[in-house]
Amino acid sequence: MSKKTLVRLASLAVVLILWEFYGRRVNPILFTYPTAVARAFFELAASGELASYMRESLMVLAYATVASIVAGVLFGVLMGRFATIEWATDMYVSALYSMPMVAVVPLIVLWFGFKVPAKVIIVFLFMVFPVLLNTFEGVKNVDRNLQEVARSFCSSERQLWRHLIIPSAVPFIVAGIRLAIGRGLVGMIIAEFYTSITGLGYMIVRYANAFETDKLFVPIVVVMILGIGLMWLAKWIEVRIAPWRRFDERE
């Protein structure tokens, strides 16, 4: 086992021990502790309730993730490569990115209802802009000298994209996806607060209203673990598609 893994496990153990110690001394209506959360997790998992609520949340997240990556990468590449498109759209992108997405959730619900399409749109809006803006920066930051060298060797536009622009932008794109994952999980929970009686967001509202704090923490911890897993997956994919990209050995 590597030193990195040992440090992470030791850190996790310290946090859980402190949480357990403090949580047992607080009113269970206000707080809870890891062993109580674990019992609640197995109870909800055994009854099938957790799987039922997770299914729709994961479906919404999957649809929104695919749509945001496709739209964000495509539009980011166009903005980064063609100045006319950038000049025509950059102020709208900046305005939409800076707009508090929570404020438009009621409007989206009014337009699209309370079903899956509304939730997918909400999560998509949370996710697409980090991907778009990072892709844009990746394309814009391709070394101009390398582009000139490629053109001097008579590289076609297709070869320029394949061998220089896309490989140079990959780290930026993956960084954007990793940022989008965190925003997407937040958007998923907010969407379920407003739009449905299913999903992990609904579980949080339900058990918060019932003051069942141990069960309330189950979907929160599940979302945190899901975020860690998806971040790791994005990093793993980057290493596979961009083998020239090497992470710091301290990671």
Protein backbone atom coordinates (compact mmCIF):
# COMPACT_ATOMS: atom_id res chain seq x y z
CA MET A 1 0.00 0.00 0.00
CA SER A 2 1.41 3.37 -1.03
CA LYS A 3 2.21 6.21 1.34
CA LYS A 4 -0.46 8.32 -0.36
CA THR A 5 -3.15 5.73 0.39
CA LEU A 6 -2.00 5.34 3.98
CA VAL A 7 -2.13 9.10 4.57
CA ARG A 8 -5.64 9.29 3.14
CA LEU A 9 -6.88 6.36 5.21
CA ALA A 10 -5.34 7.81 8.37
CA SER A 11 -6.94 11.18 7.67
CA LEU A 12 -10.32 9.54 7.12
CA ALA A 13 -9.99 7.52 10.33
CA VAL A 14 -9.20 10.67 12.36
CA VAL A 15 -12.20 12.52 10.92
CA LEU A 16 -14.58 9.59 11.58
CA ILE A 17 -13.32 9.12 15.15
CA LEU A 18 -13.72 12.81 15.96
CA TRP A 19 -17.15 12.85 14.33
CA GLU A 20 -18.23 9.79 16.31
CA PHE A 21 -16.93 11.25 19.56
CA TYR A 22 -18.61 14.63 19.08
CA GLY A 23 -21.81 13.30 17.45
CA ARG A 24 -22.69 11.05 20.37
CA ARG A 25 -22.70 14.08 22.68
CA VAL A 26 -25.16 16.14 20.61
CA ASN A 27 -28.93 15.91 20.53
CA PRO A 28 -29.71 13.35 17.78
CA ILE A 29 -32.32 15.70 16.33
CA LEU A 30 -29.57 18.22 15.61
CA PHE A 31 -26.66 15.97 14.63
CA THR A 32 -25.64 12.33 14.26
CA TYR A 33 -22.52 10.14 14.11
CA PRO A 34 -20.97 7.69 11.63
CA THR A 35 -22.19 4.41 13.16
CA ALA A 36 -25.77 5.74 13.23
CA VAL A 37 -25.45 6.82 9.58
CA ALA A 38 -24.09 3.37 8.69
CA ARG A 39 -27.05 1.66 10.39
CA ALA A 40 -29.47 3.97 8.56
CA PHE A 41 -27.67 3.27 5.28
CA PHE A 42 -28.04 -0.50 5.61
CA GLU A 43 -31.66 -0.11 6.67
CA LEU A 44 -32.51 2.05 3.64
CA ALA A 45 -30.48 -0.18 1.32
CA ALA A 46 -32.15 -3.37 2.61
CA SER A 47 -35.63 -1.92 2.14
CA GLY A 48 -34.81 -0.89 -1.43
CA GLU A 49 -35.66 2.73 -0.71
CA LEU A 50 -32.15 4.05 -1.30
CA ALA A 51 -31.77 2.26 -4.63
CA SER A 52 -35.18 3.49 -5.77
CA TYR A 53 -34.35 7.12 -5.02
CA MET A 54 -30.83 6.87 -6.42
CA ARG A 55 -31.97 5.45 -9.74
CA GLU A 56 -33.69 8.60 -10.97
CA SER A 57 -30.99 10.91 -9.58
CA LEU A 58 -28.26 9.00 -11.42
CA MET A 59 -30.31 8.94 -14.62
CA VAL A 60 -30.76 12.72 -14.50
CA LEU A 61 -27.05 13.24 -13.74
CA ALA A 62 -26.00 10.92 -16.59
CA TYR A 63 -28.20 12.65 -19.19
CA ALA A 64 -27.09 16.11 -18.08
CA THR A 65 -23.41 15.14 -17.97
CA VAL A 66 -23.40 13.78 -21.53
CA ALA A 67 -25.33 16.77 -22.86
CA SER A 68 -23.12 19.30 -21.06
CA ILE A 69 -19.87 17.69 -22.23
CA VAL A 70 -21.02 17.50 -25.86
CA ALA A 71 -22.45 21.03 -25.93
CA GLY A 72 -19.67 22.56 -23.81
CA VAL A 73 -16.79 21.06 -25.79
CA LEU A 74 -18.38 21.79 -29.18
CA PHE A 75 -19.30 25.38 -28.41
CA GLY A 76 -16.05 26.02 -26.52
CA VAL A 77 -14.03 24.83 -29.51
CA LEU A 78 -16.02 27.04 -31.87
CA MET A 79 -15.60 30.07 -29.62
CA GLY A 80 -11.89 29.43 -29.17
CA ARG A 81 -11.18 28.83 -32.83
CA PHE A 82 -13.35 31.40 -34.56
CA ALA A 83 -13.10 34.99 -33.36
CA THR A 84 -16.43 36.02 -34.89
CA ILE A 85 -18.30 33.44 -32.82
CA GLU A 86 -16.40 34.49 -29.70
CA TRP A 87 -17.20 38.18 -30.20
CA ALA A 88 -20.87 37.43 -30.87
CA THR A 89 -21.43 35.16 -27.87
CA ASP A 90 -18.92 35.84 -25.10
CA MET A 91 -21.08 38.42 -23.28
CA TYR A 92 -24.04 36.03 -23.22
CA VAL A 93 -21.90 33.19 -21.91
CA SER A 94 -20.46 35.43 -19.20
CA ALA A 95 -23.93 36.68 -18.25
CA LEU A 96 -25.42 33.19 -18.02
CA TYR A 97 -22.43 31.81 -16.12
CA SER A 98 -22.56 34.60 -13.54
CA MET A 99 -26.34 34.35 -13.15
CA PRO A 100 -27.44 32.49 -9.98
CA MET A 101 -28.91 29.29 -11.44
CA VAL A 102 -31.09 28.73 -8.39
CA ALA A 103 -33.03 31.85 -9.34
CA VAL A 104 -34.17 30.36 -12.67
CA VAL A 105 -35.21 26.95 -11.28
CA PRO A 106 -38.83 28.04 -10.59
CA LEU A 107 -39.05 29.39 -14.14
CA ILE A 108 -37.76 26.12 -15.61
CA VAL A 109 -40.29 24.21 -13.51
CA LEU A 110 -43.03 26.51 -14.82
CA TRP A 111 -41.97 25.86 -18.41
CA PHE A 112 -41.12 22.15 -18.31
CA GLY A 113 -43.05 20.77 -15.34
CA PHE A 114 -41.87 18.51 -12.54
CA LYS A 115 -40.61 15.50 -14.48
CA VAL A 116 -37.18 14.32 -15.61
CA PRO A 117 -36.73 16.81 -18.51
CA ALA A 118 -36.93 19.78 -16.14
CA LYS A 119 -34.33 18.26 -13.81
CA VAL A 120 -32.01 17.43 -16.71
CA ILE A 121 -32.21 21.04 -17.96
CA ILE A 122 -31.45 22.41 -14.50
CA VAL A 123 -28.43 20.14 -14.00
CA PHE A 124 -27.25 20.83 -17.56
CA LEU A 125 -27.24 24.59 -16.84
CA PHE A 126 -25.16 23.99 -13.73
CA MET A 127 -22.63 21.83 -15.61
CA VAL A 128 -22.20 23.19 -19.11
CA PHE A 129 -20.38 26.46 -18.42
CA PRO A 130 -17.26 25.06 -16.66
CA VAL A 131 -16.80 22.67 -19.58
CA LEU A 132 -17.41 25.39 -22.17
CA LEU A 133 -15.13 27.98 -20.59
CA ASN A 134 -12.28 25.54 -19.93
CA THR A 135 -12.49 24.20 -23.48
CA PHE A 136 -12.43 27.76 -24.78
CA GLU A 137 -9.32 28.56 -22.72
CA GLY A 138 -7.66 25.31 -23.83
CA VAL A 139 -8.15 26.10 -27.51
CA LYS A 140 -7.12 29.74 -27.09
CA ASN A 141 -3.94 28.79 -25.22
CA VAL A 142 -2.51 26.49 -27.88
CA ASP A 143 1.04 27.67 -28.49
CA ARG A 144 1.02 29.97 -31.55
CA ASN A 145 4.60 29.00 -32.38
CA LEU A 146 3.62 25.35 -32.57
CA GLN A 147 0.74 26.25 -34.86
CA GLU A 148 3.11 28.13 -37.14
CA VAL A 149 5.52 25.19 -37.20
CA ALA A 150 2.68 22.82 -38.07
CA ARG A 151 1.52 25.07 -40.88
CA SER A 152 5.06 25.44 -42.19
CA PHE A 153 5.11 21.65 -42.60
CA CYS A 154 1.91 21.94 -44.66
CA SER A 155 -0.42 20.48 -42.02
CA SER A 156 -4.04 20.57 -43.08
CA GLU A 157 -6.72 22.05 -40.81
CA ARG A 158 -7.84 18.52 -39.95
CA GLN A 159 -4.30 17.46 -39.01
CA LEU A 160 -3.85 20.65 -37.00
CA TRP A 161 -6.96 19.83 -34.97
CA ARG A 162 -6.08 16.17 -34.54
CA HIS A 163 -2.41 16.46 -33.66
CA LEU A 164 -2.11 19.83 -31.95
CA ILE A 165 -5.26 21.71 -30.90
CA ILE A 166 -7.30 18.87 -29.38
CA PRO A 167 -4.34 17.23 -27.55
CA SER A 168 -3.30 20.62 -26.15
CA ALA A 169 -6.85 21.35 -24.97
CA VAL A 170 -7.52 17.94 -23.37
CA PRO A 171 -6.17 18.88 -19.88
CA PHE A 172 -8.34 22.01 -19.90
CA ILE A 173 -11.40 20.05 -21.01
CA VAL A 174 -10.97 17.40 -18.31
CA ALA A 175 -10.41 20.10 -15.69
CA GLY A 176 -13.68 21.66 -16.82
CA ILE A 177 -15.45 18.31 -16.52
CA ARG A 178 -14.12 17.83 -13.00
CA LEU A 179 -15.41 21.27 -12.02
CA ALA A 180 -18.73 20.51 -13.70
CA ILE A 181 -19.16 17.29 -11.70
CA GLY A 182 -19.28 19.19 -8.41
CA ARG A 183 -21.68 21.78 -9.81
CA GLY A 184 -23.79 19.03 -11.36
CA LEU A 185 -24.25 17.22 -8.05
CA VAL A 186 -25.33 20.48 -6.42
CA GLY A 187 -27.70 21.14 -9.30
CA MET A 188 -29.13 17.63 -9.06
CA ILE A 189 -30.04 18.10 -5.39
CA ILE A 190 -31.47 21.59 -5.97
CA ALA A 191 -33.53 20.30 -8.91
CA GLU A 192 -34.99 17.59 -6.71
CA PHE A 193 -35.78 20.06 -3.95
CA TYR A 194 -38.02 21.91 -6.38
CA THR A 195 -39.27 19.44 -8.95
CA SER A 196 -40.15 16.01 -7.65
CA ILE A 197 -41.01 13.57 -4.90
CA THR A 198 -38.22 11.22 -5.93
CA GLY A 199 -34.44 11.27 -5.87
CA LEU A 200 -31.76 11.90 -3.29
CA GLY A 201 -32.81 15.54 -2.94
CA TYR A 202 -36.29 14.46 -1.94
CA MET A 203 -34.79 12.07 0.62
CA ILE A 204 -32.96 14.98 2.22
CA VAL A 205 -36.13 17.08 2.43
CA ARG A 206 -38.21 14.17 3.69
CA TYR A 207 -35.93 13.13 6.53
CA ALA A 208 -35.10 16.73 7.46
CA ASN A 209 -38.80 17.42 7.93
CA ALA A 210 -39.13 14.24 10.00
CA PHE A 211 -36.04 15.12 12.12
CA GLU A 212 -34.47 11.72 11.30
CA THR A 213 -30.95 13.06 11.15
CA ASP A 214 -29.22 9.70 10.72
CA LYS A 215 -31.27 8.97 7.57
CA LEU A 216 -30.85 12.57 6.43
CA PHE A 217 -27.07 12.06 6.30
CA VAL A 218 -27.34 8.94 4.12
CA PRO A 219 -28.10 10.74 0.82
CA ILE A 220 -25.62 13.48 1.75
CA VAL A 221 -22.82 10.95 2.23
CA VAL A 222 -23.88 9.08 -0.93
CA VAL A 223 -23.60 12.29 -2.97
CA MET A 224 -20.17 12.99 -1.48
CA ILE A 225 -18.93 9.49 -2.33
CA LEU A 226 -20.41 9.81 -5.81
CA GLY A 227 -18.53 13.08 -6.29
CA ILE A 228 -15.22 11.52 -5.19
CA GLY A 229 -15.75 8.58 -7.54
CA LEU A 230 -16.61 10.72 -10.53
CA MET A 231 -13.64 13.03 -9.90
CA TRP A 232 -11.34 10.01 -9.80
CA LEU A 233 -12.91 8.66 -13.00
CA ALA A 234 -12.33 11.96 -14.79
CA LYS A 235 -8.68 11.95 -13.71
CA TRP A 236 -8.28 8.33 -14.84
CA ILE A 237 -9.79 9.12 -18.24
CA GLU A 238 -7.43 12.07 -18.67
CA VAL A 239 -4.41 9.86 -18.08
CA ARG A 240 -5.70 7.35 -20.62
CA ILE A 241 -6.53 9.80 -23.40
CA ALA A 242 -3.61 12.15 -22.69
CA PRO A 243 -0.68 9.92 -21.68
CA TRP A 244 1.72 12.83 -22.08
CA ARG A 245 -0.10 14.49 -19.22
CA ARG A 246 1.43 13.42 -15.90
CA PHE A 247 0.08 14.39 -12.51
CA ASP A 248 2.26 15.49 -9.67
CA GLU A 249 3.78 12.46 -7.93
CA ARG A 250 2.48 13.80 -4.60
CA GLU A 251 -1.04 12.88 -5.82
